Every structure is written in C-alpha cells, then in structure tokens.
N, C-alpha and C. Protein backbone atom coordinates (compact mmCIF):
# COMPACT_ATOMS: atom_id res chain seq x y z
N MET A 1 -167.73 -160.08 144.51
CA MET A 1 -167.26 -159.05 145.40
C MET A 1 -166.00 -158.41 144.80
N LYS A 2 -165.78 -157.19 145.22
CA LYS A 2 -164.64 -156.45 144.68
C LYS A 2 -164.04 -155.60 145.80
N THR A 3 -162.72 -155.51 145.82
CA THR A 3 -162.05 -154.64 146.77
C THR A 3 -160.87 -153.95 146.10
N THR A 4 -160.53 -152.78 146.59
CA THR A 4 -159.38 -152.04 146.09
C THR A 4 -158.40 -151.84 147.24
N ILE A 5 -157.14 -152.18 146.98
CA ILE A 5 -156.11 -152.09 147.99
C ILE A 5 -155.03 -151.13 147.50
N LYS A 6 -154.71 -150.14 148.31
CA LYS A 6 -153.61 -149.22 147.98
C LYS A 6 -152.34 -149.85 148.54
N VAL A 7 -151.35 -150.05 147.66
CA VAL A 7 -150.12 -150.73 148.07
C VAL A 7 -148.91 -149.80 147.96
N GLN A 8 -147.84 -150.22 148.60
CA GLN A 8 -146.57 -149.50 148.55
C GLN A 8 -145.63 -150.18 147.56
N ASN A 9 -144.65 -149.46 147.09
CA ASN A 9 -143.56 -149.97 146.24
C ASN A 9 -143.97 -150.30 144.81
N LEU A 10 -145.15 -149.95 144.38
CA LEU A 10 -145.61 -150.22 143.02
C LEU A 10 -145.00 -149.16 142.10
N LYS A 11 -144.15 -149.61 141.17
CA LYS A 11 -143.37 -148.66 140.37
C LYS A 11 -143.68 -148.66 138.89
N CYS A 12 -144.03 -149.82 138.33
CA CYS A 12 -144.13 -149.89 136.87
C CYS A 12 -144.99 -151.07 136.42
N GLU A 13 -145.07 -151.24 135.11
CA GLU A 13 -145.86 -152.33 134.54
C GLU A 13 -145.26 -153.71 134.86
N GLY A 14 -143.95 -153.75 135.11
CA GLY A 14 -143.34 -155.01 135.54
C GLY A 14 -143.93 -155.46 136.87
N CYS A 15 -144.04 -154.51 137.80
CA CYS A 15 -144.66 -154.78 139.10
C CYS A 15 -146.11 -155.23 138.90
N ALA A 16 -146.83 -154.50 138.08
CA ALA A 16 -148.24 -154.79 137.83
C ALA A 16 -148.40 -156.19 137.23
N ASN A 17 -147.53 -156.57 136.32
CA ASN A 17 -147.59 -157.87 135.68
C ASN A 17 -147.41 -158.99 136.71
N THR A 18 -146.41 -158.85 137.58
CA THR A 18 -146.17 -159.84 138.62
C THR A 18 -147.36 -159.95 139.57
N ILE A 19 -147.88 -158.81 140.01
CA ILE A 19 -149.03 -158.80 140.92
C ILE A 19 -150.22 -159.50 140.27
N SER A 20 -150.52 -159.14 139.05
CA SER A 20 -151.67 -159.72 138.36
C SER A 20 -151.53 -161.23 138.21
N LYS A 21 -150.37 -161.68 137.75
CA LYS A 21 -150.17 -163.12 137.55
C LYS A 21 -150.28 -163.89 138.86
N LYS A 22 -149.67 -163.37 139.91
CA LYS A 22 -149.68 -164.08 141.19
C LYS A 22 -151.07 -164.11 141.80
N LEU A 23 -151.79 -162.99 141.76
CA LEU A 23 -153.13 -162.97 142.35
C LEU A 23 -154.11 -163.85 141.58
N HIS A 24 -153.90 -164.00 140.28
CA HIS A 24 -154.76 -164.87 139.50
C HIS A 24 -154.59 -166.35 139.87
N THR A 25 -153.51 -166.69 140.57
CA THR A 25 -153.32 -168.09 140.99
C THR A 25 -154.12 -168.43 142.24
N ILE A 26 -154.69 -167.42 142.90
CA ILE A 26 -155.49 -167.65 144.10
C ILE A 26 -156.89 -168.08 143.69
N GLU A 27 -157.32 -169.20 144.23
CA GLU A 27 -158.64 -169.71 143.91
C GLU A 27 -159.71 -168.69 144.32
N SER A 28 -160.66 -168.48 143.50
CA SER A 28 -161.80 -167.56 143.64
C SER A 28 -161.51 -166.14 143.18
N VAL A 29 -160.26 -165.82 142.83
CA VAL A 29 -159.94 -164.50 142.27
C VAL A 29 -160.23 -164.56 140.77
N SER A 30 -161.07 -163.64 140.29
CA SER A 30 -161.46 -163.68 138.88
C SER A 30 -160.87 -162.55 138.05
N ILE A 31 -160.77 -161.35 138.62
CA ILE A 31 -160.27 -160.20 137.88
C ILE A 31 -159.27 -159.45 138.76
N VAL A 32 -158.16 -159.05 138.16
CA VAL A 32 -157.17 -158.22 138.85
C VAL A 32 -156.83 -157.05 137.94
N GLU A 33 -157.00 -155.84 138.44
CA GLU A 33 -156.63 -154.64 137.71
C GLU A 33 -155.66 -153.83 138.57
N VAL A 34 -154.55 -153.42 137.97
CA VAL A 34 -153.52 -152.69 138.71
C VAL A 34 -153.36 -151.30 138.09
N ASP A 35 -153.50 -150.27 138.92
CA ASP A 35 -153.30 -148.89 138.50
C ASP A 35 -151.96 -148.44 139.06
N VAL A 36 -150.94 -148.44 138.22
CA VAL A 36 -149.58 -148.12 138.65
C VAL A 36 -149.48 -146.69 139.17
N GLU A 37 -150.08 -145.75 138.48
CA GLU A 37 -149.97 -144.34 138.86
C GLU A 37 -150.57 -144.05 140.23
N LYS A 38 -151.64 -144.76 140.58
CA LYS A 38 -152.30 -144.53 141.88
C LYS A 38 -151.92 -145.57 142.92
N SER A 39 -151.09 -146.55 142.54
CA SER A 39 -150.68 -147.64 143.43
C SER A 39 -151.88 -148.42 143.97
N LEU A 40 -152.83 -148.68 143.08
CA LEU A 40 -154.05 -149.40 143.48
C LEU A 40 -154.12 -150.77 142.81
N VAL A 41 -154.56 -151.76 143.60
CA VAL A 41 -154.81 -153.10 143.09
C VAL A 41 -156.28 -153.39 143.34
N GLU A 42 -157.04 -153.57 142.27
CA GLU A 42 -158.46 -153.89 142.38
C GLU A 42 -158.66 -155.36 142.06
N VAL A 43 -159.31 -156.07 142.97
CA VAL A 43 -159.47 -157.52 142.83
C VAL A 43 -160.94 -157.89 142.94
N SER A 44 -161.40 -158.70 142.00
CA SER A 44 -162.75 -159.28 142.07
C SER A 44 -162.59 -160.73 142.47
N TYR A 45 -163.43 -161.18 143.39
CA TYR A 45 -163.30 -162.52 143.95
C TYR A 45 -164.67 -163.04 144.38
N GLU A 46 -164.75 -164.33 144.62
CA GLU A 46 -166.02 -164.96 144.96
C GLU A 46 -166.17 -165.24 146.45
N ASN A 47 -165.06 -165.41 147.18
CA ASN A 47 -165.08 -165.81 148.57
C ASN A 47 -164.54 -164.69 149.45
N GLU A 48 -165.38 -164.12 150.30
CA GLU A 48 -164.97 -162.97 151.12
C GLU A 48 -163.80 -163.31 152.04
N GLY A 49 -163.65 -164.55 152.45
CA GLY A 49 -162.56 -164.95 153.33
C GLY A 49 -161.19 -164.89 152.68
N ILE A 50 -161.14 -164.58 151.40
CA ILE A 50 -159.89 -164.59 150.65
C ILE A 50 -159.10 -163.27 150.76
N ILE A 51 -159.70 -162.24 151.34
CA ILE A 51 -159.05 -160.92 151.42
C ILE A 51 -157.69 -160.99 152.11
N GLU A 52 -157.61 -161.69 153.22
CA GLU A 52 -156.33 -161.77 153.94
C GLU A 52 -155.29 -162.51 153.12
N THR A 53 -155.70 -163.50 152.34
CA THR A 53 -154.78 -164.22 151.46
C THR A 53 -154.26 -163.28 150.38
N ILE A 54 -155.12 -162.44 149.85
CA ILE A 54 -154.72 -161.47 148.82
C ILE A 54 -153.70 -160.50 149.40
N LYS A 55 -153.98 -159.93 150.57
CA LYS A 55 -153.08 -158.98 151.20
C LYS A 55 -151.75 -159.64 151.56
N SER A 56 -151.81 -160.86 152.05
CA SER A 56 -150.60 -161.60 152.40
C SER A 56 -149.75 -161.88 151.17
N THR A 57 -150.40 -162.21 150.06
CA THR A 57 -149.69 -162.46 148.81
C THR A 57 -149.01 -161.19 148.32
N LEU A 58 -149.73 -160.08 148.36
CA LEU A 58 -149.14 -158.80 147.96
C LEU A 58 -147.92 -158.48 148.83
N ASN A 59 -148.04 -158.69 150.12
CA ASN A 59 -146.94 -158.43 151.04
C ASN A 59 -145.75 -159.33 150.73
N SER A 60 -146.00 -160.59 150.43
CA SER A 60 -144.91 -161.53 150.15
C SER A 60 -144.17 -161.16 148.86
N LEU A 61 -144.85 -160.46 147.96
CA LEU A 61 -144.21 -160.00 146.72
C LEU A 61 -143.46 -158.68 146.91
N GLY A 62 -143.64 -158.06 148.09
CA GLY A 62 -142.98 -156.78 148.35
C GLY A 62 -143.87 -155.58 148.20
N TYR A 63 -145.19 -155.81 148.17
CA TYR A 63 -146.15 -154.72 147.99
C TYR A 63 -147.13 -154.69 149.17
N PRO A 64 -146.66 -154.25 150.35
CA PRO A 64 -147.57 -154.21 151.50
C PRO A 64 -148.64 -153.15 151.32
N GLU A 65 -149.74 -153.35 152.01
CA GLU A 65 -150.83 -152.39 151.97
C GLU A 65 -150.36 -151.05 152.56
N GLU A 66 -150.86 -149.96 152.00
CA GLU A 66 -150.56 -148.62 152.51
C GLU A 66 -150.87 -148.59 154.00
N GLY A 67 -149.95 -148.06 154.80
CA GLY A 67 -150.14 -147.99 156.24
C GLY A 67 -149.47 -149.13 156.99
N GLU A 68 -149.15 -150.22 156.28
CA GLU A 68 -148.44 -151.33 156.90
C GLU A 68 -146.94 -151.04 156.89
N SER A 69 -146.20 -151.77 157.68
CA SER A 69 -144.75 -151.61 157.73
C SER A 69 -144.14 -151.92 156.37
N ASN A 70 -143.28 -151.02 155.89
CA ASN A 70 -142.62 -151.19 154.60
C ASN A 70 -141.13 -151.32 154.86
N THR A 71 -140.71 -152.54 155.16
CA THR A 71 -139.33 -152.79 155.55
C THR A 71 -138.39 -152.79 154.35
N PHE A 72 -137.11 -152.80 154.64
CA PHE A 72 -136.10 -152.92 153.58
C PHE A 72 -136.32 -154.22 152.81
N GLY A 73 -136.69 -155.28 153.53
CA GLY A 73 -136.98 -156.57 152.89
C GLY A 73 -138.12 -156.47 151.89
N ASN A 74 -139.19 -155.75 152.25
CA ASN A 74 -140.31 -155.55 151.33
C ASN A 74 -139.85 -154.82 150.08
N LYS A 75 -139.06 -153.79 150.28
CA LYS A 75 -138.58 -153.00 149.14
C LYS A 75 -137.71 -153.85 148.21
N ALA A 76 -136.85 -154.67 148.81
CA ALA A 76 -135.99 -155.54 148.00
C ALA A 76 -136.82 -156.56 147.23
N LYS A 77 -137.82 -157.16 147.90
CA LYS A 77 -138.70 -158.12 147.22
C LYS A 77 -139.45 -157.47 146.06
N SER A 78 -139.85 -156.22 146.25
CA SER A 78 -140.60 -155.54 145.18
C SER A 78 -139.72 -155.34 143.94
N TYR A 79 -138.43 -155.07 144.13
CA TYR A 79 -137.53 -154.92 142.99
C TYR A 79 -137.37 -156.25 142.24
N ILE A 80 -137.28 -157.33 142.99
CA ILE A 80 -137.18 -158.65 142.36
C ILE A 80 -138.47 -158.97 141.61
N SER A 81 -139.62 -158.72 142.26
CA SER A 81 -140.91 -158.96 141.61
C SER A 81 -141.05 -158.13 140.34
N CYS A 82 -140.59 -156.90 140.42
CA CYS A 82 -140.63 -155.98 139.28
C CYS A 82 -139.81 -156.54 138.11
N ALA A 83 -138.59 -156.98 138.42
CA ALA A 83 -137.71 -157.53 137.37
C ALA A 83 -138.32 -158.76 136.73
N ILE A 84 -138.88 -159.63 137.54
CA ILE A 84 -139.53 -160.83 137.01
C ILE A 84 -140.70 -160.44 136.11
N GLY A 85 -141.48 -159.46 136.55
CA GLY A 85 -142.61 -158.99 135.76
C GLY A 85 -142.20 -158.40 134.43
N LYS A 86 -141.05 -157.71 134.40
CA LYS A 86 -140.57 -157.12 133.15
C LYS A 86 -140.11 -158.20 132.18
N ILE A 87 -139.53 -159.27 132.69
CA ILE A 87 -139.09 -160.37 131.84
C ILE A 87 -140.28 -161.02 131.16
N ASP A 88 -141.39 -161.13 131.90
CA ASP A 88 -142.58 -161.80 131.38
C ASP A 88 -143.49 -160.92 130.55
N LEU A 89 -143.15 -159.64 130.38
CA LEU A 89 -144.03 -158.73 129.59
C LEU A 89 -144.02 -159.10 128.13
C-alpha cells in the first residue's frame, strides 16, 4: 500500500533526511520519498493500520499534516529536525 501526505514546515533536504530516517524505523514501512518543493511525503507500507502512526510520527517531528494545527511548538520542532537532518547528510 502507498499513501501521500502533504505536510507543513517542510523546508529543505535536512527536513527530508530526518523524515525519511524516522519513518523507516516504523515496522512495515518499506519506502519513503519526500518531495521538498511540494511538501509531500510518500510512504509505502504493508499494514494499513500504520497510517496513524506515520502521521503521529510526522507531527512529533514538527511536520503536521496540511490542515492540522501548526503550533509554534510544531514549527520549533521542525527547525530542530531540520538541523539534525543536515548534520546527517
């Protein structure tokens, strides 16, 4: 199965790197593709029940789904996630 999620606060390849690494730690997630320009995260997975875990993980990193509340806390977390992702590039 595959789903595409439009997220907020996605700014650069550092963000994409953090998102990809973190989502790959979720059991049953096989492929993660991040389109920085369109703010899209495409995830391939084996278990349909995992969607909420994926969205929750994105939110915890500071990248809530488009249409969800984008608090100051989310924005701050996204900057930290971005910096960590840039270090690991």
